[in-house]
Amino acid sequence: MTATVKSVDLPNGTTAHDETLNRWYVKKPVGMFPWRANNGEKLTDFEVDNFLRSGRIVVTLPE
């Protein structure tokens, strides 16, 4: 059995690694673009959901 994870259900502080671009994003409690990279790039929950379904990113929950 597999579980479907949605970006909106992940807690703030969750990190996501984009394996294609080798870039890390952190989920923060801000507006339309809660996922932020160090270089200023922003992602929406919708974009992260698509990347999760495709296997492009891997998430790590905060401790």
PDB file of N, CA and C in Angstrom:
ATOM      1  N   MET A   1       0.838  -1.171   0.000  1.00  0.00           N
ATOM      2  CA  MET A   1       0.000   0.000   0.000  1.00  0.00           C
ATOM      3  C   MET A   1       0.891   1.245   0.000  1.00  0.00           C
ATOM      4  N   THR A   2       0.526   2.221  -0.801  1.00  0.00           N
ATOM      5  CA  THR A   2       1.283   3.464  -0.853  1.00  0.00           C
ATOM      6  C   THR A   2       0.399   4.615  -0.396  1.00  0.00           C
ATOM      7  N   ALA A   3       1.036   5.648   0.103  1.00  0.00           N
ATOM      8  CA  ALA A   3       0.306   6.837   0.548  1.00  0.00           C
ATOM      9  C   ALA A   3       0.650   7.991  -0.375  1.00  0.00           C
ATOM     10  N   THR A   4      -0.352   8.791  -0.678  1.00  0.00           N
ATOM     11  CA  THR A   4      -0.130   9.979  -1.494  1.00  0.00           C
ATOM     12  C   THR A   4       0.070  11.164  -0.563  1.00  0.00           C
ATOM     13  N   VAL A   5       1.200  11.827  -0.702  1.00  0.00           N
ATOM     14  CA  VAL A   5       1.518  12.979   0.124  1.00  0.00           C
ATOM     15  C   VAL A   5       1.248  14.235  -0.681  1.00  0.00           C
ATOM     16  N   LYS A   6       0.602  15.196  -0.049  1.00  0.00           N
ATOM     17  CA  LYS A   6       0.356  16.484  -0.699  1.00  0.00           C
ATOM     18  C   LYS A   6       1.172  17.543   0.021  1.00  0.00           C
ATOM     19  N   SER A   7       1.666  18.484  -0.738  1.00  0.00           N
ATOM     20  CA  SER A   7       2.499  19.549  -0.210  1.00  0.00           C
ATOM     21  C   SER A   7       1.813  20.315   0.913  1.00  0.00           C
ATOM     22  N   VAL A   8       0.538  20.583   0.739  1.00  0.00           N
ATOM     23  CA  VAL A   8      -0.195  21.378   1.730  1.00  0.00           C
ATOM     24  C   VAL A   8      -0.254  20.669   3.087  1.00  0.00           C
ATOM     25  N   ASP A   9      -0.157  19.346   3.106  1.00  0.00           N
ATOM     26  CA  ASP A   9      -0.214  18.576   4.351  1.00  0.00           C
ATOM     27  C   ASP A   9       1.134  18.488   5.063  1.00  0.00           C
ATOM     28  N   LEU A  10       2.202  18.876   4.403  1.00  0.00           N
ATOM     29  CA  LEU A  10       3.535  18.801   5.008  1.00  0.00           C
ATOM     30  C   LEU A  10       3.749  19.980   5.954  1.00  0.00           C
ATOM     31  N   PRO A  11       4.406  19.740   7.100  1.00  0.00           N
ATOM     32  CA  PRO A  11       4.603  20.834   8.055  1.00  0.00           C
ATOM     33  C   PRO A  11       5.653  21.837   7.575  1.00  0.00           C
ATOM     34  N   ASN A  12       5.561  23.059   8.096  1.00  0.00           N
ATOM     35  CA  ASN A  12       6.593  24.060   7.802  1.00  0.00           C
ATOM     36  C   ASN A  12       7.927  23.549   8.314  1.00  0.00           C
ATOM     37  N   GLY A  13       8.983  23.869   7.600  1.00  0.00           N
ATOM     38  CA  GLY A  13      10.314  23.377   7.946  1.00  0.00           C
ATOM     39  C   GLY A  13      10.705  22.126   7.181  1.00  0.00           C
ATOM     40  N   THR A  14       9.745  21.548   6.439  1.00  0.00           N
ATOM     41  CA  THR A  14      10.040  20.382   5.611  1.00  0.00           C
ATOM     42  C   THR A  14      10.990  20.799   4.495  1.00  0.00           C
ATOM     43  N   THR A  15      11.981  19.963   4.208  1.00  0.00           N
ATOM     44  CA  THR A  15      12.893  20.247   3.104  1.00  0.00           C
ATOM     45  C   THR A  15      12.573  19.314   1.940  1.00  0.00           C
ATOM     46  N   ALA A  16      12.813  19.811   0.736  1.00  0.00           N
ATOM     47  CA  ALA A  16      12.599  19.031  -0.473  1.00  0.00           C
ATOM     48  C   ALA A  16      13.826  19.181  -1.360  1.00  0.00           C
ATOM     49  N   HIS A  17      14.345  18.057  -1.845  1.00  0.00           N
ATOM     50  CA  HIS A  17      15.517  18.082  -2.716  1.00  0.00           C
ATOM     51  C   HIS A  17      15.090  17.774  -4.140  1.00  0.00           C
ATOM     52  N   ASP A  18      15.320  18.723  -5.044  1.00  0.00           N
ATOM     53  CA  ASP A  18      15.059  18.530  -6.470  1.00  0.00           C
ATOM     54  C   ASP A  18      16.289  17.846  -7.047  1.00  0.00           C
ATOM     55  N   GLU A  19      16.144  16.571  -7.359  1.00  0.00           N
ATOM     56  CA  GLU A  19      17.285  15.789  -7.830  1.00  0.00           C
ATOM     57  C   GLU A  19      17.709  16.165  -9.241  1.00  0.00           C
ATOM     58  N   THR A  20      16.806  16.754 -10.037  1.00  0.00           N
ATOM     59  CA  THR A  20      17.151  17.167 -11.393  1.00  0.00           C
ATOM     60  C   THR A  20      18.070  18.383 -11.386  1.00  0.00           C
ATOM     61  N   LEU A  21      17.724  19.370 -10.565  1.00  0.00           N
ATOM     62  CA  LEU A  21      18.507  20.613 -10.499  1.00  0.00           C
ATOM     63  C   LEU A  21      19.514  20.620  -9.349  1.00  0.00           C
ATOM     64  N   ASN A  22      19.486  19.575  -8.510  1.00  0.00           N
ATOM     65  CA  ASN A  22      20.321  19.500  -7.315  1.00  0.00           C
ATOM     66  C   ASN A  22      20.134  20.763  -6.467  1.00  0.00           C
ATOM     67  N   ARG A  23      18.871  21.047  -6.159  1.00  0.00           N
ATOM     68  CA  ARG A  23      18.521  22.246  -5.398  1.00  0.00           C
ATOM     69  C   ARG A  23      17.641  21.863  -4.219  1.00  0.00           C
ATOM     70  N   TRP A  24      17.866  22.509  -3.072  1.00  0.00           N
ATOM     71  CA  TRP A  24      17.086  22.275  -1.866  1.00  0.00           C
ATOM     72  C   TRP A  24      16.066  23.386  -1.669  1.00  0.00           C
ATOM     73  N   TYR A  25      14.857  23.025  -1.258  1.00  0.00           N
ATOM     74  CA  TYR A  25      13.793  23.971  -0.939  1.00  0.00           C
ATOM     75  C   TYR A  25      13.341  23.724   0.491  1.00  0.00           C
ATOM     76  N   VAL A  26      12.898  24.775   1.167  1.00  0.00           N
ATOM     77  CA  VAL A  26      12.366  24.668   2.526  1.00  0.00           C
ATOM     78  C   VAL A  26      10.963  25.255   2.522  1.00  0.00           C
ATOM     79  N   LYS A  27      10.029  24.542   3.154  1.00  0.00           N
ATOM     80  CA  LYS A  27       8.655  25.036   3.238  1.00  0.00           C
ATOM     81  C   LYS A  27       8.557  26.034   4.382  1.00  0.00           C
ATOM     82  N   LYS A  28       8.051  27.225   4.054  1.00  0.00           N
ATOM     83  CA  LYS A  28       7.878  28.298   5.031  1.00  0.00           C
ATOM     84  C   LYS A  28       6.430  28.768   4.990  1.00  0.00           C
ATOM     85  N   PRO A  29       5.933  29.336   6.082  1.00  0.00           N
ATOM     86  CA  PRO A  29       4.531  29.761   6.138  1.00  0.00           C
ATOM     87  C   PRO A  29       4.295  31.114   5.465  1.00  0.00           C
ATOM     88  N   VAL A  30       4.439  31.147   4.142  1.00  0.00           N
ATOM     89  CA  VAL A  30       4.261  32.414   3.420  1.00  0.00           C
ATOM     90  C   VAL A  30       3.438  32.222   2.154  1.00  0.00           C
ATOM     91  N   GLY A  31       2.420  32.998   1.973  1.00  0.00           N
ATOM     92  CA  GLY A  31       1.618  33.161   0.770  1.00  0.00           C
ATOM     93  C   GLY A  31       1.527  32.044  -0.242  1.00  0.00           C
ATOM     94  N   MET A  32       1.546  32.452  -1.512  1.00  0.00           N
ATOM     95  CA  MET A  32       1.367  31.526  -2.635  1.00  0.00           C
ATOM     96  C   MET A  32       2.588  30.661  -2.913  1.00  0.00           C
ATOM     97  N   PHE A  33       3.755  31.070  -2.454  1.00  0.00           N
ATOM     98  CA  PHE A  33       4.994  30.348  -2.753  1.00  0.00           C
ATOM     99  C   PHE A  33       5.659  29.898  -1.456  1.00  0.00           C
ATOM    100  N   PRO A  34       5.132  28.844  -0.827  1.00  0.00           N
ATOM    101  CA  PRO A  34       5.676  28.428   0.457  1.00  0.00           C
ATOM    102  C   PRO A  34       7.023  27.705   0.368  1.00  0.00           C
ATOM    103  N   TRP A  35       7.411  27.269  -0.813  1.00  0.00           N
ATOM    104  CA  TRP A  35       8.676  26.545  -0.968  1.00  0.00           C
ATOM    105  C   TRP A  35       9.730  27.492  -1.510  1.00  0.00           C
ATOM    106  N   ARG A  36      10.830  27.660  -0.771  1.00  0.00           N
ATOM    107  CA  ARG A  36      11.876  28.627  -1.133  1.00  0.00           C
ATOM    108  C   ARG A  36      13.245  27.962  -1.164  1.00  0.00           C
ATOM    109  N   ALA A  37      14.032  28.328  -2.186  1.00  0.00           N
ATOM    110  CA  ALA A  37      15.424  27.870  -2.296  1.00  0.00           C
ATOM    111  C   ALA A  37      16.333  29.006  -1.859  1.00  0.00           C
ATOM    112  N   ASN A  38      17.585  28.680  -1.556  1.00  0.00           N
ATOM    113  CA  ASN A  38      18.552  29.704  -1.129  1.00  0.00           C
ATOM    114  C   ASN A  38      18.805  30.755  -2.195  1.00  0.00           C
ATOM    115  N   ASN A  39      18.641  30.394  -3.467  1.00  0.00           N
ATOM    116  CA  ASN A  39      18.902  31.343  -4.556  1.00  0.00           C
ATOM    117  C   ASN A  39      17.701  32.248  -4.833  1.00  0.00           C
ATOM    118  N   GLY A  40      16.631  32.135  -4.029  1.00  0.00           N
ATOM    119  CA  GLY A  40      15.456  32.973  -4.204  1.00  0.00           C
ATOM    120  C   GLY A  40      14.360  32.350  -5.041  1.00  0.00           C
ATOM    121  N   GLU A  41      14.624  31.208  -5.640  1.00  0.00           N
ATOM    122  CA  GLU A  41      13.597  30.537  -6.437  1.00  0.00           C
ATOM    123  C   GLU A  41      12.454  30.091  -5.524  1.00  0.00           C
ATOM    124  N   LYS A  42      11.222  30.197  -6.027  1.00  0.00           N
ATOM    125  CA  LYS A  42      10.038  29.859  -5.250  1.00  0.00           C
ATOM    126  C   LYS A  42       9.188  28.848  -6.006  1.00  0.00           C
ATOM    127  N   LEU A  43       8.528  27.973  -5.263  1.00  0.00           N
ATOM    128  CA  LEU A  43       7.609  26.997  -5.848  1.00  0.00           C
ATOM    129  C   LEU A  43       6.273  27.053  -5.111  1.00  0.00           C
ATOM    130  N   THR A  44       5.207  26.763  -5.850  1.00  0.00           N
ATOM    131  CA  THR A  44       3.880  26.659  -5.249  1.00  0.00           C
ATOM    132  C   THR A  44       3.656  25.231  -4.759  1.00  0.00           C
ATOM    133  N   ASP A  45       2.602  25.044  -3.946  1.00  0.00           N
ATOM    134  CA  ASP A  45       2.229  23.694  -3.520  1.00  0.00           C
ATOM    135  C   ASP A  45       1.898  22.825  -4.724  1.00  0.00           C
ATOM    136  N   PHE A  46       1.245  23.405  -5.733  1.00  0.00           N
ATOM    137  CA  PHE A  46       0.877  22.665  -6.941  1.00  0.00           C
ATOM    138  C   PHE A  46       2.125  22.119  -7.649  1.00  0.00           C
ATOM    139  N   GLU A  47       3.155  22.953  -7.791  1.00  0.00           N
ATOM    140  CA  GLU A  47       4.393  22.507  -8.447  1.00  0.00           C
ATOM    141  C   GLU A  47       5.064  21.397  -7.647  1.00  0.00           C
ATOM    142  N   VAL A  48       5.103  21.552  -6.338  1.00  0.00           N
ATOM    143  CA  VAL A  48       5.718  20.524  -5.497  1.00  0.00           C
ATOM    144  C   VAL A  48       4.922  19.224  -5.585  1.00  0.00           C
ATOM    145  N   ASP A  49       3.600  19.302  -5.612  1.00  0.00           N
ATOM    146  CA  ASP A  49       2.777  18.096  -5.768  1.00  0.00           C
ATOM    147  C   ASP A  49       3.105  17.367  -7.072  1.00  0.00           C
ATOM    148  N   ASN A  50       3.254  18.111  -8.151  1.00  0.00           N
ATOM    149  CA  ASN A  50       3.617  17.489  -9.438  1.00  0.00           C
ATOM    150  C   ASN A  50       4.986  16.818  -9.356  1.00  0.00           C
ATOM    151  N   PHE A  51       5.946  17.471  -8.723  1.00  0.00           N
ATOM    152  CA  PHE A  51       7.291  16.898  -8.584  1.00  0.00           C
ATOM    153  C   PHE A  51       7.271  15.660  -7.693  1.00  0.00           C
ATOM    154  N   LEU A  52       6.437  15.672  -6.643  1.00  0.00           N
ATOM    155  CA  LEU A  52       6.313  14.498  -5.776  1.00  0.00           C
ATOM    156  C   LEU A  52       5.758  13.307  -6.557  1.00  0.00           C
ATOM    157  N   ARG A  53       4.720  13.549  -7.351  1.00  0.00           N
ATOM    158  CA  ARG A  53       4.121  12.460  -8.140  1.00  0.00           C
ATOM    159  C   ARG A  53       5.099  11.889  -9.160  1.00  0.00           C
ATOM    160  N   SER A  54       5.918  12.745  -9.746  1.00  0.00           N
ATOM    161  CA  SER A  54       6.850  12.288 -10.769  1.00  0.00           C
ATOM    162  C   SER A  54       8.115  11.668 -10.179  1.00  0.00           C
ATOM    163  N   GLY A  55       8.337  11.867  -8.882  1.00  0.00           N
ATOM    164  CA  GLY A  55       9.545  11.340  -8.254  1.00  0.00           C
ATOM    165  C   GLY A  55      10.744  12.254  -8.410  1.00  0.00           C
ATOM    166  N   ARG A  56      10.518  13.457  -8.905  1.00  0.00           N
ATOM    167  CA  ARG A  56      11.624  14.403  -9.130  1.00  0.00           C
ATOM    168  C   ARG A  56      12.206  14.942  -7.828  1.00  0.00           C
ATOM    169  N   ILE A  57      11.376  15.046  -6.782  1.00  0.00           N
ATOM    170  CA  ILE A  57      11.885  15.550  -5.504  1.00  0.00           C
ATOM    171  C   ILE A  57      11.659  14.522  -4.407  1.00  0.00           C
ATOM    172  N   VAL A  58      12.464  14.652  -3.371  1.00  0.00           N
ATOM    173  CA  VAL A  58      12.366  13.810  -2.186  1.00  0.00           C
ATOM    174  C   VAL A  58      12.240  14.757  -1.001  1.00  0.00           C
ATOM    175  N   VAL A  59      11.287  14.488  -0.109  1.00  0.00           N
ATOM    176  CA  VAL A  59      11.080  15.371   1.042  1.00  0.00           C
ATOM    177  C   VAL A  59      11.646  14.748   2.307  1.00  0.00           C
ATOM    178  N   THR A  60      12.071  15.625   3.218  1.00  0.00           N
ATOM    179  CA  THR A  60      12.547  15.236   4.541  1.00  0.00           C
ATOM    180  C   THR A  60      11.778  16.057   5.563  1.00  0.00           C
ATOM    181  N   LEU A  61      11.089  15.378   6.472  1.00  0.00           N
ATOM    182  CA  LEU A  61      10.310  16.069   7.486  1.00  0.00           C
ATOM    183  C   LEU A  61      11.217  16.628   8.570  1.00  0.00           C
ATOM    184  N   PRO A  62      10.819  17.770   9.183  1.00  0.00           N
ATOM    185  CA  PRO A  62      11.621  18.323  10.271  1.00  0.00           C
ATOM    186  C   PRO A  62      11.547  17.430  11.504  1.00  0.00           C
ATOM    187  N   GLU A  63      12.541  17.512  12.331  1.00  0.00           N
ATOM    188  CA  GLU A  63      12.566  16.674  13.549  1.00  0.00           C
ATOM    189  C   GLU A  63      11.781  17.289  14.666  1.00  0.00           C
TER     190      GLU A  63
END
